[in-house]
Amino acid sequence: MNMEDLRKISFEFRRVSSDMLNSITDDNNVYLIKFREFIDDNKIIKDYIDSKVKYSSIDWQKSFIEEDCGYKSVIIPQNKNDHIKAMYDYLVVMTDRNKSLNGEAFNFHLGRCKVNERIQFYLNRVFLPLIHYINDYLIEEMIALQESQRGD
């Protein structure tokens, strides 16, 4: 893969991620589905996710999303591979089952806030670290490619 292709993927990923993080109630989980499709359809990103997931056996239902007193919360795994697997597996469930983004966001206790704020808080809390991991990886790949081109 060349630098131009990596930059294009990185730019498109940032746009798709931003759309997802800024979802509102009327969007339901359309942008969450587009986010997952982008990950799955881009070999470099999907290979990165797969390379992390294969070293983890974490079950997101037991170790990532915790329910207490009727409300859910996110428990962030300390291990990077576990964290990536938990987020990705949860993303798959949310998109395969076409679960209600509004309903899921309302299961997280946030006190009184507007519907769209609740959705965006939920998306940031659950999926923003996955975006950071992928962005960091793409940057590392660009740096490695740039260094290898200098050595040629």
C-alpha atoms as a PDB file:
ATOM      1  CA  MET A   1       0.000   0.000   0.000  1.00  0.00           C
ATOM      2  CA  ASN A   2       1.309   3.438  -0.835  1.00  0.00           C
ATOM      3  CA  MET A   3       1.192   6.659   1.174  1.00  0.00           C
ATOM      4  CA  GLU A   4      -1.632   8.159  -0.884  1.00  0.00           C
ATOM      5  CA  ASP A   5      -3.849   5.124  -0.241  1.00  0.00           C
ATOM      6  CA  LEU A   6      -3.101   5.211   3.493  1.00  0.00           C
ATOM      7  CA  ARG A   7      -3.903   8.914   3.701  1.00  0.00           C
ATOM      8  CA  LYS A   8      -7.155   8.393   1.840  1.00  0.00           C
ATOM      9  CA  ILE A   9      -8.210   5.562   4.161  1.00  0.00           C
ATOM     10  CA  SER A  10      -7.220   7.613   7.203  1.00  0.00           C
ATOM     11  CA  PHE A  11      -9.204  10.624   5.988  1.00  0.00           C
ATOM     12  CA  GLU A  12     -12.279   8.534   5.166  1.00  0.00           C
ATOM     13  CA  PHE A  13     -12.048   6.733   8.509  1.00  0.00           C
ATOM     14  CA  ARG A  14     -11.958  10.033  10.394  1.00  0.00           C
ATOM     15  CA  ARG A  15     -15.034  11.237   8.471  1.00  0.00           C
ATOM     16  CA  VAL A  16     -17.011   8.017   9.053  1.00  0.00           C
ATOM     17  CA  SER A  17     -15.982   8.013  12.729  1.00  0.00           C
ATOM     18  CA  SER A  18     -17.040  11.621  13.171  1.00  0.00           C
ATOM     19  CA  ASP A  19     -20.415  10.931  11.569  1.00  0.00           C
ATOM     20  CA  MET A  20     -20.944   8.004  13.930  1.00  0.00           C
ATOM     21  CA  LEU A  21     -19.904   9.922  17.055  1.00  0.00           C
ATOM     22  CA  ASN A  22     -22.249  12.769  16.123  1.00  0.00           C
ATOM     23  CA  SER A  23     -25.283  10.560  15.552  1.00  0.00           C
ATOM     24  CA  ILE A  24     -28.607  11.908  16.758  1.00  0.00           C
ATOM     25  CA  THR A  25     -31.892  10.245  17.597  1.00  0.00           C
ATOM     26  CA  ASP A  26     -33.260  10.512  14.053  1.00  0.00           C
ATOM     27  CA  ASP A  27     -30.246   8.620  12.683  1.00  0.00           C
ATOM     28  CA  ASN A  28     -30.880   5.562  14.874  1.00  0.00           C
ATOM     29  CA  ASN A  29     -27.813   3.401  14.192  1.00  0.00           C
ATOM     30  CA  VAL A  30     -27.308   4.122  10.483  1.00  0.00           C
ATOM     31  CA  TYR A  31     -23.908   5.734  11.114  1.00  0.00           C
ATOM     32  CA  LEU A  32     -22.905   2.963  13.495  1.00  0.00           C
ATOM     33  CA  ILE A  33     -23.612   0.457  10.711  1.00  0.00           C
ATOM     34  CA  LYS A  34     -21.617   2.564   8.233  1.00  0.00           C
ATOM     35  CA  PHE A  35     -18.749   2.701  10.758  1.00  0.00           C
ATOM     36  CA  ARG A  36     -18.676  -1.088  11.038  1.00  0.00           C
ATOM     37  CA  GLU A  37     -18.968  -1.535   7.268  1.00  0.00           C
ATOM     38  CA  PHE A  38     -16.013   0.794   6.760  1.00  0.00           C
ATOM     39  CA  ILE A  39     -13.910  -1.233   9.193  1.00  0.00           C
ATOM     40  CA  ASP A  40     -14.919  -4.546   7.632  1.00  0.00           C
ATOM     41  CA  ASP A  41     -14.477  -3.332   4.043  1.00  0.00           C
ATOM     42  CA  ASN A  42     -10.961  -1.899   4.498  1.00  0.00           C
ATOM     43  CA  LYS A  43      -8.400  -4.666   4.561  1.00  0.00           C
ATOM     44  CA  ILE A  44      -5.738  -2.752   6.481  1.00  0.00           C
ATOM     45  CA  ILE A  45      -8.171  -1.851   9.273  1.00  0.00           C
ATOM     46  CA  LYS A  46      -9.879  -5.235   9.375  1.00  0.00           C
ATOM     47  CA  ASP A  47      -6.505  -7.013   9.449  1.00  0.00           C
ATOM     48  CA  TYR A  48      -5.457  -4.801  12.370  1.00  0.00           C
ATOM     49  CA  ILE A  49      -8.648  -5.614  14.298  1.00  0.00           C
ATOM     50  CA  ASP A  50      -8.298  -9.329  13.521  1.00  0.00           C
ATOM     51  CA  SER A  51      -4.661  -9.301  14.660  1.00  0.00           C
ATOM     52  CA  LYS A  52      -5.736  -7.979  18.070  1.00  0.00           C
ATOM     53  CA  VAL A  53      -8.910 -10.033  18.456  1.00  0.00           C
ATOM     54  CA  LYS A  54      -7.130 -13.351  17.924  1.00  0.00           C
ATOM     55  CA  TYR A  55      -5.131 -12.829  21.135  1.00  0.00           C
ATOM     56  CA  SER A  56      -8.177 -12.230  23.308  1.00  0.00           C
ATOM     57  CA  SER A  57     -10.949 -14.399  24.649  1.00  0.00           C
ATOM     58  CA  ILE A  58     -12.822 -11.636  26.489  1.00  0.00           C
ATOM     59  CA  ASP A  59     -16.624 -11.772  26.502  1.00  0.00           C
ATOM     60  CA  TRP A  60     -17.950  -8.233  26.201  1.00  0.00           C
ATOM     61  CA  GLN A  61     -21.183  -9.211  27.982  1.00  0.00           C
ATOM     62  CA  LYS A  62     -19.252 -10.200  31.094  1.00  0.00           C
ATOM     63  CA  SER A  63     -16.247  -7.883  31.028  1.00  0.00           C
ATOM     64  CA  PHE A  64     -17.080  -4.725  29.060  1.00  0.00           C
ATOM     65  CA  ILE A  65     -20.705  -3.686  29.525  1.00  0.00           C
ATOM     66  CA  GLU A  66     -21.833  -4.126  33.115  1.00  0.00           C
ATOM     67  CA  GLU A  67     -25.359  -3.726  34.407  1.00  0.00           C
ATOM     68  CA  ASP A  68     -26.079  -2.600  37.957  1.00  0.00           C
ATOM     69  CA  CYS A  69     -29.369  -1.374  39.428  1.00  0.00           C
ATOM     70  CA  GLY A  70     -30.975  -1.314  35.982  1.00  0.00           C
ATOM     71  CA  TYR A  71     -28.292   0.871  34.380  1.00  0.00           C
ATOM     72  CA  LYS A  72     -25.353  -0.119  32.239  1.00  0.00           C
ATOM     73  CA  SER A  73     -21.795   1.128  32.426  1.00  0.00           C
ATOM     74  CA  VAL A  74     -18.578   0.524  30.520  1.00  0.00           C
ATOM     75  CA  ILE A  75     -15.747  -1.357  32.186  1.00  0.00           C
ATOM     76  CA  ILE A  76     -12.572  -0.670  30.210  1.00  0.00           C
ATOM     77  CA  PRO A  77     -10.297  -3.718  30.002  1.00  0.00           C
ATOM     78  CA  GLN A  78      -6.657  -2.988  30.841  1.00  0.00           C
ATOM     79  CA  ASN A  79      -5.318  -5.168  28.035  1.00  0.00           C
ATOM     80  CA  LYS A  80      -5.409  -3.436  24.633  1.00  0.00           C
ATOM     81  CA  ASN A  81      -6.310  -6.610  22.731  1.00  0.00           C
ATOM     82  CA  ASP A  82      -9.176  -7.321  25.146  1.00  0.00           C
ATOM     83  CA  HIS A  83     -10.411  -3.749  24.825  1.00  0.00           C
ATOM     84  CA  ILE A  84     -10.380  -3.860  21.021  1.00  0.00           C
ATOM     85  CA  LYS A  85     -12.120  -7.246  20.949  1.00  0.00           C
ATOM     86  CA  ALA A  86     -14.793  -6.152  23.426  1.00  0.00           C
ATOM     87  CA  MET A  87     -15.564  -2.979  21.469  1.00  0.00           C
ATOM     88  CA  TYR A  88     -15.587  -4.738  18.108  1.00  0.00           C
ATOM     89  CA  ASP A  89     -17.732  -7.652  19.331  1.00  0.00           C
ATOM     90  CA  TYR A  90     -20.204  -5.206  20.872  1.00  0.00           C
ATOM     91  CA  LEU A  91     -20.233  -3.212  17.611  1.00  0.00           C
ATOM     92  CA  VAL A  92     -21.082  -6.412  15.721  1.00  0.00           C
ATOM     93  CA  VAL A  93     -23.993  -7.146  18.066  1.00  0.00           C
ATOM     94  CA  MET A  94     -25.296  -3.577  17.838  1.00  0.00           C
ATOM     95  CA  THR A  95     -25.210  -3.621  14.027  1.00  0.00           C
ATOM     96  CA  ASP A  96     -26.157  -7.253  13.262  1.00  0.00           C
ATOM     97  CA  ARG A  97     -29.234  -7.099  15.444  1.00  0.00           C
ATOM     98  CA  ASN A  98     -30.000  -3.540  14.380  1.00  0.00           C
ATOM     99  CA  LYS A  99     -30.426  -2.695  18.055  1.00  0.00           C
ATOM    100  CA  SER A 100     -31.943   0.650  18.879  1.00  0.00           C
ATOM    101  CA  LEU A 101     -29.201   3.189  19.454  1.00  0.00           C
ATOM    102  CA  ASN A 102     -31.631   5.322  21.454  1.00  0.00           C
ATOM    103  CA  GLY A 103     -32.666   2.392  23.619  1.00  0.00           C
ATOM    104  CA  GLU A 104     -29.107   1.288  24.272  1.00  0.00           C
ATOM    105  CA  ALA A 105     -27.945   4.817  25.115  1.00  0.00           C
ATOM    106  CA  PHE A 106     -30.835   5.221  27.558  1.00  0.00           C
ATOM    107  CA  ASN A 107     -29.649   2.149  29.460  1.00  0.00           C
ATOM    108  CA  PHE A 108     -26.604   4.154  30.596  1.00  0.00           C
ATOM    109  CA  HIS A 109     -27.224   6.398  33.591  1.00  0.00           C
ATOM    110  CA  LEU A 110     -26.377   9.982  32.743  1.00  0.00           C
ATOM    111  CA  GLY A 111     -28.787  11.948  34.861  1.00  0.00           C
ATOM    112  CA  ARG A 112     -30.835  14.544  33.087  1.00  0.00           C
ATOM    113  CA  CYS A 113     -29.618  15.398  29.636  1.00  0.00           C
ATOM    114  CA  LYS A 114     -31.041  15.784  26.165  1.00  0.00           C
ATOM    115  CA  VAL A 115     -31.612  12.727  24.009  1.00  0.00           C
ATOM    116  CA  ASN A 116     -28.913  13.570  21.453  1.00  0.00           C
ATOM    117  CA  GLU A 117     -26.383  14.330  24.206  1.00  0.00           C
ATOM    118  CA  ARG A 118     -27.102  10.950  25.771  1.00  0.00           C
ATOM    119  CA  ILE A 119     -26.560   9.155  22.443  1.00  0.00           C
ATOM    120  CA  GLN A 120     -23.304  10.993  21.771  1.00  0.00           C
ATOM    121  CA  PHE A 121     -22.030  10.379  25.316  1.00  0.00           C
ATOM    122  CA  TYR A 122     -22.791   6.687  24.918  1.00  0.00           C
ATOM    123  CA  LEU A 123     -21.027   6.455  21.529  1.00  0.00           C
ATOM    124  CA  ASN A 124     -17.988   8.311  22.857  1.00  0.00           C
ATOM    125  CA  ARG A 125     -17.788   6.175  25.966  1.00  0.00           C
ATOM    126  CA  VAL A 126     -18.163   2.867  24.142  1.00  0.00           C
ATOM    127  CA  PHE A 127     -16.494   3.361  20.741  1.00  0.00           C
ATOM    128  CA  LEU A 128     -14.136   6.365  20.876  1.00  0.00           C
ATOM    129  CA  PRO A 129     -11.208   4.248  22.143  1.00  0.00           C
ATOM    130  CA  LEU A 130     -11.607   1.946  19.125  1.00  0.00           C
ATOM    131  CA  ILE A 131     -11.361   4.980  16.858  1.00  0.00           C
ATOM    132  CA  HIS A 132      -8.209   6.094  18.667  1.00  0.00           C
ATOM    133  CA  TYR A 133      -6.604   2.659  18.353  1.00  0.00           C
ATOM    134  CA  ILE A 134      -7.327   2.533  14.613  1.00  0.00           C
ATOM    135  CA  ASN A 135      -6.186   6.124  14.009  1.00  0.00           C
ATOM    136  CA  ASP A 136      -2.950   5.441  15.909  1.00  0.00           C
ATOM    137  CA  TYR A 137      -2.355   2.313  13.854  1.00  0.00           C
ATOM    138  CA  LEU A 138      -2.893   4.143  10.557  1.00  0.00           C
ATOM    139  CA  ILE A 139      -0.466   6.868  11.629  1.00  0.00           C
ATOM    140  CA  GLU A 140       2.112   4.247  12.656  1.00  0.00           C
ATOM    141  CA  GLU A 141       1.729   2.610   9.239  1.00  0.00           C
ATOM    142  CA  MET A 142       2.241   5.961   7.484  1.00  0.00           C
ATOM    143  CA  ILE A 143       5.365   6.660   9.543  1.00  0.00           C
ATOM    144  CA  ALA A 144       6.750   3.183   8.835  1.00  0.00           C
ATOM    145  CA  LEU A 145       6.053   3.585   5.121  1.00  0.00           C
ATOM    146  CA  GLN A 146       7.703   7.001   5.095  1.00  0.00           C
ATOM    147  CA  GLU A 147      10.793   5.638   6.861  1.00  0.00           C
ATOM    148  CA  SER A 148      11.037   2.687   4.482  1.00  0.00           C
ATOM    149  CA  GLN A 149      10.845   5.035   1.505  1.00  0.00           C
ATOM    150  CA  ARG A 150      13.724   7.087   2.920  1.00  0.00           C
ATOM    151  CA  GLY A 151      15.820   3.953   3.179  1.00  0.00           C
ATOM    152  CA  ASP A 152      15.262   2.985  -0.458  1.00  0.00           C
END
